[in-house]
PDB file of N, CA and C in Angstrom:
ATOM      1  N   UNK A   1       0.784  -1.317  -0.050  1.00  0.00           N
ATOM      2  CA  UNK A   1       0.290   0.055  -0.175  1.00  0.00           C
ATOM      3  C   UNK A   1       1.494   1.210  -0.091  1.00  0.00           C
ATOM      4  N   UNK A   2       1.498   2.037  -1.017  1.00  0.00           N
ATOM      5  CA  UNK A   2       1.803   3.172  -1.235  1.00  0.00           C
ATOM      6  C   UNK A   2       1.402   4.089  -0.720  1.00  0.00           C
ATOM      7  N   UNK A   3       1.995   5.336  -0.008  1.00  0.00           N
ATOM      8  CA  UNK A   3       2.236   6.478   0.179  1.00  0.00           C
ATOM      9  C   UNK A   3       2.264   7.357  -0.035  1.00  0.00           C
ATOM     10  N   UNK A   4       1.700   8.190  -0.901  1.00  0.00           N
ATOM     11  CA  UNK A   4       2.207   9.116  -1.812  1.00  0.00           C
ATOM     12  C   UNK A   4       1.735  10.950  -0.739  1.00  0.00           C
ATOM     13  N   UNK A   5       2.548  11.705  -1.201  1.00  0.00           N
ATOM     14  CA  UNK A   5       2.215  12.928  -1.172  1.00  0.00           C
ATOM     15  C   UNK A   5       1.108  14.036  -1.957  1.00  0.00           C
ATOM     16  N   UNK A   6       0.308  14.817  -1.339  1.00  0.00           N
ATOM     17  CA  UNK A   6      -0.188  15.084  -2.080  1.00  0.00           C
ATOM     18  C   UNK A   6       0.123  15.865  -3.746  1.00  0.00           C
ATOM     19  N   UNK A   7       1.040  15.983  -3.747  1.00  0.00           N
ATOM     20  CA  UNK A   7       0.971  17.132  -5.068  1.00  0.00           C
ATOM     21  C   UNK A   7       1.686  15.940  -5.909  1.00  0.00           C
ATOM     22  N   UNK A   8       2.796  14.579  -5.276  1.00  0.00           N
ATOM     23  CA  UNK A   8       2.655  13.572  -5.997  1.00  0.00           C
ATOM     24  C   UNK A   8       1.622  13.017  -6.119  1.00  0.00           C
ATOM     25  N   UNK A   9       0.753  12.599  -5.727  1.00  0.00           N
ATOM     26  CA  UNK A   9      -1.124  12.180  -5.737  1.00  0.00           C
ATOM     27  C   UNK A   9      -1.625  12.854  -7.200  1.00  0.00           C
ATOM     28  N   UNK A  10      -1.528  14.475  -7.123  1.00  0.00           N
ATOM     29  CA  UNK A  10      -2.185  15.492  -8.006  1.00  0.00           C
ATOM     30  C   UNK A  10      -1.696  14.724  -9.441  1.00  0.00           C
ATOM     31  N   UNK A  11      -0.416  15.040  -8.856  1.00  0.00           N
ATOM     32  CA  UNK A  11       0.603  14.859 -10.162  1.00  0.00           C
ATOM     33  C   UNK A  11       0.225  13.098 -11.277  1.00  0.00           C
ATOM     34  N   UNK A  12      -0.244  12.212 -10.393  1.00  0.00           N
ATOM     35  CA  UNK A  12      -0.290  10.849 -11.122  1.00  0.00           C
ATOM     36  C   UNK A  12      -1.454  10.102 -10.611  1.00  0.00           C
ATOM     37  N   UNK A  13      -2.777  11.506 -10.639  1.00  0.00           N
ATOM     38  CA  UNK A  13      -3.608  10.576 -10.430  1.00  0.00           C
ATOM     39  C   UNK A  13      -4.678   9.699 -10.778  1.00  0.00           C
ATOM     40  N   UNK A  14      -4.171   9.873 -12.323  1.00  0.00           N
ATOM     41  CA  UNK A  14      -4.846   9.271 -13.819  1.00  0.00           C
ATOM     42  C   UNK A  14      -4.635   7.590 -12.791  1.00  0.00           C
ATOM     43  N   UNK A  15      -2.990   7.493 -12.639  1.00  0.00           N
ATOM     44  CA  UNK A  15      -2.305   5.668 -12.356  1.00  0.00           C
ATOM     45  C   UNK A  15      -2.985   5.777 -11.068  1.00  0.00           C
ATOM     46  N   UNK A  16      -3.075   6.375  -9.932  1.00  0.00           N
ATOM     47  CA  UNK A  16      -3.609   6.082  -8.512  1.00  0.00           C
ATOM     48  C   UNK A  16      -4.794   5.426  -8.961  1.00  0.00           C
ATOM     49  N   UNK A  17      -5.798   6.123  -9.888  1.00  0.00           N
ATOM     50  CA  UNK A  17      -7.036   5.509  -9.711  1.00  0.00           C
ATOM     51  C   UNK A  17      -7.205   4.244 -10.433  1.00  0.00           C
ATOM     52  N   UNK A  18      -6.380   4.000 -11.508  1.00  0.00           N
ATOM     53  CA  UNK A  18      -6.012   2.988 -12.349  1.00  0.00           C
ATOM     54  C   UNK A  18      -5.438   1.268 -10.955  1.00  0.00           C
ATOM     55  N   UNK A  19      -4.839   1.756 -10.277  1.00  0.00           N
ATOM     56  CA  UNK A  19      -4.176   1.098  -9.234  1.00  0.00           C
ATOM     57  C   UNK A  19      -5.568   0.561  -8.464  1.00  0.00           C
ATOM     58  N   UNK A  20      -5.731   1.679  -8.295  1.00  0.00           N
ATOM     59  CA  UNK A  20      -7.422   1.420  -6.849  1.00  0.00           C
ATOM     60  C   UNK A  20      -8.432   0.638  -8.106  1.00  0.00           C
ATOM     61  N   UNK A  21      -8.176   0.722  -9.100  1.00  0.00           N
ATOM     62  CA  UNK A  21      -9.532  -0.255 -10.091  1.00  0.00           C
ATOM     63  C   UNK A  21      -8.882  -1.042  -9.988  1.00  0.00           C
ATOM     64  N   UNK A  22      -8.225  -2.048  -9.843  1.00  0.00           N
ATOM     65  CA  UNK A  22      -7.011  -3.289  -9.787  1.00  0.00           C
ATOM     66  C   UNK A  22      -7.248  -3.968  -8.770  1.00  0.00           C
ATOM     67  N   UNK A  23      -7.741  -2.986  -7.130  1.00  0.00           N
ATOM     68  CA  UNK A  23      -7.855  -3.130  -5.937  1.00  0.00           C
ATOM     69  C   UNK A  23      -6.695  -3.359  -5.191  1.00  0.00           C
ATOM     70  N   UNK A  24      -6.101  -2.367  -5.368  1.00  0.00           N
ATOM     71  CA  UNK A  24      -4.600  -2.179  -4.195  1.00  0.00           C
ATOM     72  C   UNK A  24      -5.670  -0.624  -3.500  1.00  0.00           C
ATOM     73  N   UNK A  25      -5.423  -0.414  -2.813  1.00  0.00           N
ATOM     74  CA  UNK A  25      -5.536   0.821  -1.794  1.00  0.00           C
ATOM     75  C   UNK A  25      -3.938   1.784  -1.873  1.00  0.00           C
ATOM     76  N   UNK A  26      -4.185   2.711  -1.944  1.00  0.00           N
ATOM     77  CA  UNK A  26      -2.689   3.947  -1.966  1.00  0.00           C
ATOM     78  C   UNK A  26      -3.803   4.871  -1.161  1.00  0.00           C
ATOM     79  N   UNK A  27      -1.978   5.284  -0.257  1.00  0.00           N
ATOM     80  CA  UNK A  27      -2.377   6.100   0.828  1.00  0.00           C
ATOM     81  C   UNK A  27      -1.994   7.884   0.581  1.00  0.00           C
ATOM     82  N   UNK A  28      -2.971   8.499   0.330  1.00  0.00           N
ATOM     83  CA  UNK A  28      -2.564  10.395   0.192  1.00  0.00           C
ATOM     84  C   UNK A  28      -2.348  11.117   1.405  1.00  0.00           C
ATOM     85  N   UNK A  29      -0.506  11.567   1.427  1.00  0.00           N
ATOM     86  CA  UNK A  29      -0.221  11.845   2.691  1.00  0.00           C
ATOM     87  C   UNK A  29      -0.171  13.649   2.345  1.00  0.00           C
ATOM     88  N   UNK A  30      -0.458  14.506   3.798  1.00  0.00           N
ATOM     89  CA  UNK A  30      -0.303  15.870   3.631  1.00  0.00           C
ATOM     90  C   UNK A  30       0.336  15.837   4.771  1.00  0.00           C
ATOM     91  N   UNK A  31       1.607  16.908   4.880  1.00  0.00           N
ATOM     92  CA  UNK A  31       2.451  16.969   5.672  1.00  0.00           C
ATOM     93  C   UNK A  31       2.842  16.021   6.302  1.00  0.00           C
ATOM     94  N   UNK A  32       2.959  14.502   5.864  1.00  0.00           N
ATOM     95  CA  UNK A  32       3.519  13.121   6.607  1.00  0.00           C
ATOM     96  C   UNK A  32       2.672  12.439   6.809  1.00  0.00           C
ATOM     97  N   UNK A  33       0.933  12.919   7.125  1.00  0.00           N
ATOM     98  CA  UNK A  33       0.205  12.218   8.128  1.00  0.00           C
ATOM     99  C   UNK A  33      -0.849  12.177   7.132  1.00  0.00           C
ATOM    100  N   UNK A  34      -1.314  10.636   6.548  1.00  0.00           N
ATOM    101  CA  UNK A  34      -2.366   9.749   6.418  1.00  0.00           C
ATOM    102  C   UNK A  34      -3.611  10.658   6.022  1.00  0.00           C
ATOM    103  N   UNK A  35      -3.894  11.463   5.029  1.00  0.00           N
ATOM    104  CA  UNK A  35      -5.491  11.933   5.167  1.00  0.00           C
ATOM    105  C   UNK A  35      -6.381  10.850   4.491  1.00  0.00           C
ATOM    106  N   UNK A  36      -6.252  10.517   2.990  1.00  0.00           N
ATOM    107  CA  UNK A  36      -6.947  10.083   2.281  1.00  0.00           C
ATOM    108  C   UNK A  36      -6.824   8.800   1.817  1.00  0.00           C
ATOM    109  N   UNK A  37      -7.520   7.574   1.581  1.00  0.00           N
ATOM    110  CA  UNK A  37      -7.437   6.264   1.234  1.00  0.00           C
ATOM    111  C   UNK A  37      -8.421   5.689  -0.104  1.00  0.00           C
ATOM    112  N   UNK A  38      -7.534   6.116  -1.122  1.00  0.00           N
ATOM    113  CA  UNK A  38      -8.268   5.440  -2.649  1.00  0.00           C
ATOM    114  C   UNK A  38      -8.290   4.215  -2.531  1.00  0.00           C
ATOM    115  N   UNK A  39      -9.698   3.708  -2.821  1.00  0.00           N
ATOM    116  CA  UNK A  39      -9.791   2.699  -2.660  1.00  0.00           C
ATOM    117  C   UNK A  39     -11.067   1.945  -3.344  1.00  0.00           C
ATOM    118  N   UNK A  40     -11.473   1.032  -4.596  1.00  0.00           N
ATOM    119  CA  UNK A  40     -11.991   0.619  -5.152  1.00  0.00           C
ATOM    120  C   UNK A  40     -13.613   0.683  -4.624  1.00  0.00           C
ATOM    121  N   UNK A  41     -14.671   1.218  -5.978  1.00  0.00           N
ATOM    122  CA  UNK A  41     -15.827   0.725  -5.111  1.00  0.00           C
ATOM    123  C   UNK A  41     -16.473   0.260  -5.285  1.00  0.00           C
ATOM    124  N   UNK A  42     -16.960  -0.940  -4.796  1.00  0.00           N
ATOM    125  CA  UNK A  42     -17.679  -2.254  -5.372  1.00  0.00           C
ATOM    126  C   UNK A  42     -19.234  -2.008  -5.631  1.00  0.00           C
ATOM    127  N   UNK A  43     -19.805  -2.297  -7.167  1.00  0.00           N
ATOM    128  CA  UNK A  43     -20.987  -1.994  -7.579  1.00  0.00           C
ATOM    129  C   UNK A  43     -21.923  -2.547  -6.228  1.00  0.00           C
ATOM    130  N   UNK A  44     -23.087  -2.139  -6.521  1.00  0.00           N
ATOM    131  CA  UNK A  44     -24.328  -2.357  -5.621  1.00  0.00           C
ATOM    132  C   UNK A  44     -25.412  -3.532  -6.695  1.00  0.00           C
ATOM    133  N   UNK A  45     -25.335  -4.295  -6.205  1.00  0.00           N
ATOM    134  CA  UNK A  45     -26.212  -5.507  -6.677  1.00  0.00           C
ATOM    135  C   UNK A  45     -27.759  -5.272  -6.750  1.00  0.00           C
ATOM    136  N   UNK A  46     -28.492  -4.553  -7.343  1.00  0.00           N
ATOM    137  CA  UNK A  46     -30.130  -4.995  -6.691  1.00  0.00           C
ATOM    138  C   UNK A  46     -30.756  -5.731  -7.173  1.00  0.00           C
ATOM    139  N   UNK A  47     -31.505  -6.183  -6.203  1.00  0.00           N
ATOM    140  CA  UNK A  47     -32.704  -7.734  -6.195  1.00  0.00           C
ATOM    141  C   UNK A  47     -33.784  -7.169  -6.782  1.00  0.00           C
ATOM    142  N   UNK A  48     -34.530  -7.472  -8.058  1.00  0.00           N
ATOM    143  CA  UNK A  48     -35.691  -7.738  -8.436  1.00  0.00           C
ATOM    144  C   UNK A  48     -36.583  -7.832  -7.360  1.00  0.00           C
ATOM    145  N   UNK A  49     -37.526  -6.972  -6.935  1.00  0.00           N
ATOM    146  CA  UNK A  49     -38.405  -6.734  -6.075  1.00  0.00           C
ATOM    147  C   UNK A  49     -38.787  -6.914  -4.908  1.00  0.00           C
ATOM    148  N   UNK A  50     -37.713  -6.099  -4.626  1.00  0.00           N
ATOM    149  CA  UNK A  50     -36.748  -5.795  -3.477  1.00  0.00           C
ATOM    150  C   UNK A  50     -37.795  -4.254  -2.949  1.00  0.00           C
ATOM    151  N   UNK A  51     -38.613  -4.185  -4.078  1.00  0.00           N
ATOM    152  CA  UNK A  51     -39.579  -2.511  -3.946  1.00  0.00           C
ATOM    153  C   UNK A  51     -40.541  -2.929  -3.356  1.00  0.00           C
ATOM    154  N   UNK A  52     -41.027  -4.233  -3.141  1.00  0.00           N
ATOM    155  CA  UNK A  52     -42.587  -5.028  -2.245  1.00  0.00           C
ATOM    156  C   UNK A  52     -42.924  -4.234  -1.096  1.00  0.00           C
ATOM    157  N   UNK A  53     -43.952  -3.457  -0.895  1.00  0.00           N
ATOM    158  CA  UNK A  53     -44.374  -2.789   0.013  1.00  0.00           C
ATOM    159  C   UNK A  53     -44.832  -1.416   0.153  1.00  0.00           C
ATOM    160  N   UNK A  54     -43.537  -1.160  -1.021  1.00  0.00           N
ATOM    161  CA  UNK A  54     -43.808   0.362  -1.069  1.00  0.00           C
ATOM    162  C   UNK A  54     -44.936   0.791  -2.082  1.00  0.00           C
ATOM    163  N   UNK A  55     -45.849   2.006  -1.760  1.00  0.00           N
ATOM    164  CA  UNK A  55     -46.303   2.327  -2.240  1.00  0.00           C
ATOM    165  C   UNK A  55     -46.532   4.204  -2.138  1.00  0.00           C
ATOM    166  N   UNK A  56     -47.249   4.353  -3.702  1.00  0.00           N
ATOM    167  CA  UNK A  56     -47.987   5.540  -3.344  1.00  0.00           C
ATOM    168  C   UNK A  56     -49.114   6.166  -3.162  1.00  0.00           C
ATOM    169  N   UNK A  57     -49.931   7.282  -2.801  1.00  0.00           N
ATOM    170  CA  UNK A  57     -50.895   7.659  -2.820  1.00  0.00           C
ATOM    171  C   UNK A  57     -51.408   7.964  -4.003  1.00  0.00           C
ATOM    172  N   UNK A  58     -52.881   8.031  -4.659  1.00  0.00           N
ATOM    173  CA  UNK A  58     -53.117   7.775  -5.667  1.00  0.00           C
ATOM    174  C   UNK A  58     -53.246   9.523  -6.292  1.00  0.00           C
ATOM    175  N   UNK A  59     -53.460  10.231  -4.593  1.00  0.00           N
ATOM    176  CA  UNK A  59     -52.835  11.664  -5.261  1.00  0.00           C
ATOM    177  C   UNK A  59     -51.510  12.548  -4.987  1.00  0.00           C
ATOM    178  N   UNK A  60     -50.803  11.403  -5.249  1.00  0.00           N
ATOM    179  CA  UNK A  60     -49.630  12.008  -4.763  1.00  0.00           C
ATOM    180  C   UNK A  60     -48.952  13.138  -6.218  1.00  0.00           C
ATOM    181  N   UNK A  61     -49.242  13.122  -7.407  1.00  0.00           N
ATOM    182  CA  UNK A  61     -49.024  13.913  -7.812  1.00  0.00           C
ATOM    183  C   UNK A  61     -50.008  15.114  -8.194  1.00  0.00           C
ATOM    184  N   UNK A  62     -51.225  15.639  -7.543  1.00  0.00           N
ATOM    185  CA  UNK A  62     -51.923  16.487  -7.558  1.00  0.00           C
ATOM    186  C   UNK A  62     -51.139  18.083  -6.662  1.00  0.00           C
ATOM    187  N   UNK A  63     -51.812  18.757  -6.959  1.00  0.00           N
ATOM    188  CA  UNK A  63     -51.074  20.083  -6.300  1.00  0.00           C
ATOM    189  C   UNK A  63     -51.644  20.304  -4.799  1.00  0.00           C
ATOM    190  N   UNK A  64     -50.112  20.778  -4.092  1.00  0.00           N
ATOM    191  CA  UNK A  64     -50.778  20.749  -2.454  1.00  0.00           C
ATOM    192  C   UNK A  64     -51.617  22.241  -2.366  1.00  0.00           C
ATOM    193  N   UNK A  65     -52.654  21.831  -1.081  1.00  0.00           N
ATOM    194  CA  UNK A  65     -53.266  23.191  -1.482  1.00  0.00           C
ATOM    195  C   UNK A  65     -52.316  24.219  -1.043  1.00  0.00           C
ATOM    196  N   UNK A  66     -51.312  24.072  -0.511  1.00  0.00           N
ATOM    197  CA  UNK A  66     -50.882  25.320   0.148  1.00  0.00           C
ATOM    198  C   UNK A  66     -49.889  26.202  -0.754  1.00  0.00           C
ATOM    199  N   UNK A  67     -50.247  25.884  -2.107  1.00  0.00           N
ATOM    200  CA  UNK A  67     -49.192  26.419  -3.233  1.00  0.00           C
ATOM    201  C   UNK A  67     -50.193  26.998  -3.344  1.00  0.00           C
ATOM    202  N   UNK A  68     -51.561  27.038  -3.806  1.00  0.00           N
ATOM    203  CA  UNK A  68     -52.467  27.917  -4.098  1.00  0.00           C
ATOM    204  C   UNK A  68     -52.942  28.802  -3.485  1.00  0.00           C
ATOM    205  N   UNK A  69     -52.451  28.794  -1.791  1.00  0.00           N
ATOM    206  CA  UNK A  69     -52.564  30.075  -0.889  1.00  0.00           C
ATOM    207  C   UNK A  69     -51.717  31.152  -1.363  1.00  0.00           C
ATOM    208  N   UNK A  70     -51.794  32.575  -0.959  1.00  0.00           N
ATOM    209  CA  UNK A  70     -51.628  33.722  -1.416  1.00  0.00           C
ATOM    210  C   UNK A  70     -50.891  34.372  -0.691  1.00  0.00           C
TER     211      UNK A  70
END
């Protein structure tokens, strides 16, 4: 897990993103103190049918009364 200073990370940002996409963690430091970890984001897998039980009121798209008050 490499640690780079902020200026070096800025100059090599694309390379660091590629490393993160390959699973490597990269630490960015400011004044020799670690402040940021660049890691890959795992995609969220959605399951069909997980919205069961969610409902909308039949009048949900009707204008609200308070918008008509002057």
